[in-house]
Protein backbone atom coordinates (compact mmCIF):
# COMPACT_ATOMS: atom_id res chain seq x y z
CA MET A 1 -30.15 43.11 17.95
CA VAL A 2 -32.19 40.01 17.35
CA ILE A 3 -30.90 37.12 18.79
CA ALA A 4 -32.15 33.40 18.09
CA ILE A 5 -31.23 30.38 20.57
CA THR A 6 -31.31 26.88 19.05
CA GLY A 7 -30.37 23.38 19.58
CA THR A 8 -32.11 20.06 19.94
CA PHE A 9 -34.82 18.54 21.93
CA GLY A 10 -33.65 18.49 25.63
CA SER A 11 -30.94 20.55 25.57
CA GLY A 12 -32.36 23.42 28.06
CA LYS A 13 -33.29 26.21 25.21
CA SER A 14 -35.50 27.16 27.21
CA THR A 15 -33.98 27.51 30.34
CA VAL A 16 -31.26 29.67 28.30
CA LEU A 17 -33.93 31.65 27.25
CA SER A 18 -34.77 32.47 31.08
CA ILE A 19 -31.41 33.43 32.11
CA PHE A 20 -31.72 36.21 28.91
CA LYS A 21 -34.95 37.25 30.30
CA SER A 22 -33.45 37.62 33.76
CA LEU A 23 -30.77 40.01 32.42
CA GLY A 24 -33.16 42.15 30.57
CA ALA A 25 -33.66 40.44 27.11
CA VAL A 26 -37.03 40.82 25.46
CA THR A 27 -37.94 37.25 25.14
CA VAL A 28 -40.28 35.42 22.63
CA SER A 29 -40.58 31.23 22.80
CA ALA A 30 -41.51 29.58 19.42
CA ASP A 31 -43.01 26.69 22.07
CA THR A 32 -45.12 29.12 23.53
CA ILE A 33 -46.58 30.59 20.41
CA VAL A 34 -47.12 27.21 19.20
CA HIS A 35 -49.00 25.81 22.33
CA LYS A 36 -50.96 29.40 21.75
CA VAL A 37 -51.84 28.69 18.35
CA LEU A 38 -53.20 25.30 19.01
CA GLU A 39 -56.25 26.68 20.96
CA ARG A 40 -57.02 28.76 18.11
CA GLU A 41 -60.35 27.02 16.48
CA ASP A 42 -59.01 27.55 12.77
CA ILE A 43 -56.08 26.14 13.54
CA LYS A 44 -57.58 22.85 15.28
CA GLU A 45 -60.11 22.56 12.21
CA LYS A 46 -57.04 22.69 9.35
CA ILE A 47 -55.06 20.34 11.68
CA ALA A 48 -58.29 18.16 11.80
CA ASP A 49 -58.47 18.13 8.12
CA VAL A 50 -54.87 17.16 7.81
CA PHE A 51 -54.55 14.66 10.75
CA GLY A 52 -58.06 13.40 10.82
CA PRO A 53 -61.11 14.49 12.98
CA GLU A 54 -59.94 11.96 15.38
CA ILE A 55 -57.14 14.21 16.71
CA LEU A 56 -59.84 16.17 18.22
CA ARG A 57 -61.28 15.39 21.56
CA ASN A 58 -64.45 16.65 22.81
CA GLY A 59 -63.33 20.19 20.40
CA GLU A 60 -59.84 20.24 21.96
CA LEU A 61 -56.69 18.62 20.23
CA ASP A 62 -55.26 15.38 21.53
CA LYS A 63 -51.65 16.89 21.65
CA LYS A 64 -49.96 13.41 22.75
CA ALA A 65 -51.76 12.04 19.52
CA LEU A 66 -50.83 14.94 17.10
CA ALA A 67 -47.41 14.70 18.26
CA GLU A 68 -47.50 10.54 17.74
CA ARG A 69 -48.72 11.08 14.20
CA ALA A 70 -46.78 14.28 13.07
CA PHE A 71 -43.33 12.82 14.36
CA SER A 72 -44.26 9.27 12.60
CA SER A 73 -42.76 10.63 9.25
CA SER A 74 -41.16 13.41 7.54
CA GLU A 75 -43.80 13.99 5.47
CA MET A 76 -46.56 14.42 8.45
CA ARG A 77 -44.05 16.73 10.27
CA ARG A 78 -43.64 18.89 7.52
CA LYS A 79 -47.49 19.49 6.91
CA LEU A 80 -47.91 20.09 10.63
CA GLU A 81 -45.11 22.61 10.02
CA GLU A 82 -46.73 24.58 7.18
CA ILE A 83 -49.66 25.19 9.35
CA LEU A 84 -47.70 26.30 12.37
CA HIS A 85 -44.65 27.85 11.10
CA PRO A 86 -46.29 31.07 9.22
CA ILE A 87 -47.71 31.93 12.22
CA VAL A 88 -44.83 31.44 14.82
CA PHE A 89 -42.69 33.67 12.52
CA GLU A 90 -45.44 36.20 12.08
CA GLU A 91 -45.35 36.35 16.06
CA ILE A 92 -41.62 36.83 16.34
CA GLU A 93 -41.33 39.68 13.73
CA ARG A 94 -44.42 41.33 15.77
CA VAL A 95 -42.48 41.09 18.67
CA VAL A 96 -39.24 42.49 17.25
CA ARG A 97 -41.11 45.10 15.79
CA GLU A 98 -42.57 46.10 18.71
CA ASN A 99 -39.10 46.30 20.62
CA SER A 100 -37.27 47.57 18.18
CA ASP A 101 -35.00 49.54 20.75
CA LYS A 102 -34.15 46.12 22.84
CA THR A 103 -32.38 43.01 22.41
CA VAL A 104 -34.73 40.76 21.48
CA VAL A 105 -33.77 36.61 22.30
CA ALA A 106 -36.18 34.45 20.14
CA GLU A 107 -36.22 30.65 21.11
CA VAL A 108 -36.67 28.78 17.45
CA PRO A 109 -35.94 25.24 18.14
CA LEU A 110 -35.98 24.34 14.32
CA LEU A 111 -34.15 27.14 13.39
CA PHE A 112 -31.53 25.75 11.14
CA GLU A 113 -34.23 23.09 9.82
CA VAL A 114 -36.40 25.86 8.37
CA LYS A 115 -33.51 28.18 7.27
CA ALA A 116 -34.73 30.97 9.22
CA GLU A 117 -31.12 31.86 10.60
CA GLU A 118 -30.35 34.76 7.94
CA SER A 119 -33.62 36.65 10.14
CA PHE A 120 -31.30 36.61 12.96
CA ASP A 121 -28.17 38.96 14.13
CA VAL A 122 -26.97 36.17 16.50
CA VAL A 123 -27.24 32.56 16.42
CA ILE A 124 -26.66 30.56 19.91
CA THR A 125 -26.77 26.89 19.81
CA VAL A 126 -27.28 25.16 23.53
CA VAL A 127 -26.34 21.65 23.59
CA ALA A 128 -26.00 18.96 26.49
CA SER A 129 -24.31 15.53 26.80
CA GLU A 130 -27.13 12.57 25.14
CA ASP A 131 -27.35 11.26 29.03
CA VAL A 132 -28.55 14.88 30.35
CA VAL A 133 -30.87 14.82 27.76
CA MET A 134 -32.23 11.58 27.84
CA LYS A 135 -32.47 12.22 31.26
CA ARG A 136 -34.20 15.73 31.47
CA LEU A 137 -36.93 14.27 29.21
CA LEU A 138 -37.74 11.22 30.49
CA ASN A 139 -38.00 13.21 33.99
CA ARG A 140 -40.72 15.14 31.85
CA GLY A 141 -42.62 12.40 30.71
CA PHE A 142 -41.47 11.25 27.24
CA SER A 143 -40.89 7.84 26.57
CA GLU A 144 -37.21 6.60 25.49
CA ASP A 145 -39.08 5.56 21.63
CA GLU A 146 -40.60 9.42 21.60
CA ILE A 147 -37.41 11.21 22.26
CA LYS A 148 -35.46 8.88 19.86
CA ARG A 149 -38.36 9.88 17.41
CA ARG A 150 -38.21 13.68 17.76
CA LEU A 151 -34.75 13.88 17.67
CA ALA A 152 -34.47 12.09 14.47
CA HIS A 153 -36.44 14.75 13.15
CA GLN A 154 -33.82 17.42 14.01
CA LEU A 155 -30.64 18.13 12.49
CA PRO A 156 -27.52 17.00 14.80
CA ALA A 157 -26.44 19.06 17.38
CA GLU A 158 -22.96 19.02 15.70
CA TYR A 159 -24.57 20.88 12.58
CA LYS A 160 -25.89 23.64 14.51
CA VAL A 161 -22.62 24.14 16.85
CA GLU A 162 -20.73 24.32 13.60
CA ARG A 163 -23.43 27.14 12.20
CA ALA A 164 -23.73 29.07 15.47
CA ASP A 165 -22.26 32.12 16.50
CA TYR A 166 -21.88 31.10 20.18
CA VAL A 167 -22.44 27.92 21.93
CA ILE A 168 -23.51 27.24 25.14
CA ASP A 169 -22.71 23.78 26.76
CA ASN A 170 -26.20 22.90 29.45
CA SER A 171 -24.89 19.47 30.69
CA GLU A 172 -23.48 20.95 34.09
CA ASP A 173 -25.56 22.98 36.66
CA LEU A 174 -27.84 26.27 36.60
CA TYR A 175 -25.15 28.53 38.07
CA LYS A 176 -22.56 27.35 35.30
CA THR A 177 -25.15 27.63 32.43
CA ARG A 178 -26.03 31.27 34.04
CA LEU A 179 -22.36 32.15 33.84
CA LYS A 180 -21.90 31.49 30.29
CA VAL A 181 -25.22 33.33 29.21
CA GLU A 182 -23.99 36.29 31.13
CA LYS A 183 -20.22 35.89 29.38
CA ILE A 184 -22.20 35.98 25.86
CA TRP A 185 -24.40 38.60 27.02
CA ASN A 186 -21.94 40.71 28.21
CA ASP A 187 -20.13 40.04 25.04
CA LEU A 188 -23.55 41.31 22.93
CA LEU A 189 -23.64 44.35 24.62
CA ARG A 190 -20.31 45.37 23.95
CA ARG A 191 -21.36 44.90 20.09
């Protein structure tokens, strides 16, 4: 079984993914793949071609500047996605192939935005209240403006909830979130 975890920026998708891993699932994260891909020289060159050579500082990507430019408009975001998304989905497919006898859970933040939901057997949307999301992201060093810009480029949580097989509200403490994940995991194992 191949399961996708999605949700909006700051909803706690990575937390839910780590709980699934602790329960025995093979896990893969699109964000982790992106971080690795951004270290590749060929990708740095492609990004510099699109976003300008000043996006590189001493041969390294200025990720903060890249995020600012990428989230400045839908067109710029789309250009970055065209570089990264094919590689991300190739890596997810590789993990699924190599673990065909296991349950694989993939964290795919932009699942619905890139219309990839049909590639998965089950879709879980993680949500959290606006206050909780804002607090989490501010604590991680994002400015309120950055948060609003990124959220503006994602489909609303309501859209993702309507299309999910399961929804996990991650507004409360870790213990309660873990209980919700365990309930879904046990339900999936019974299938």
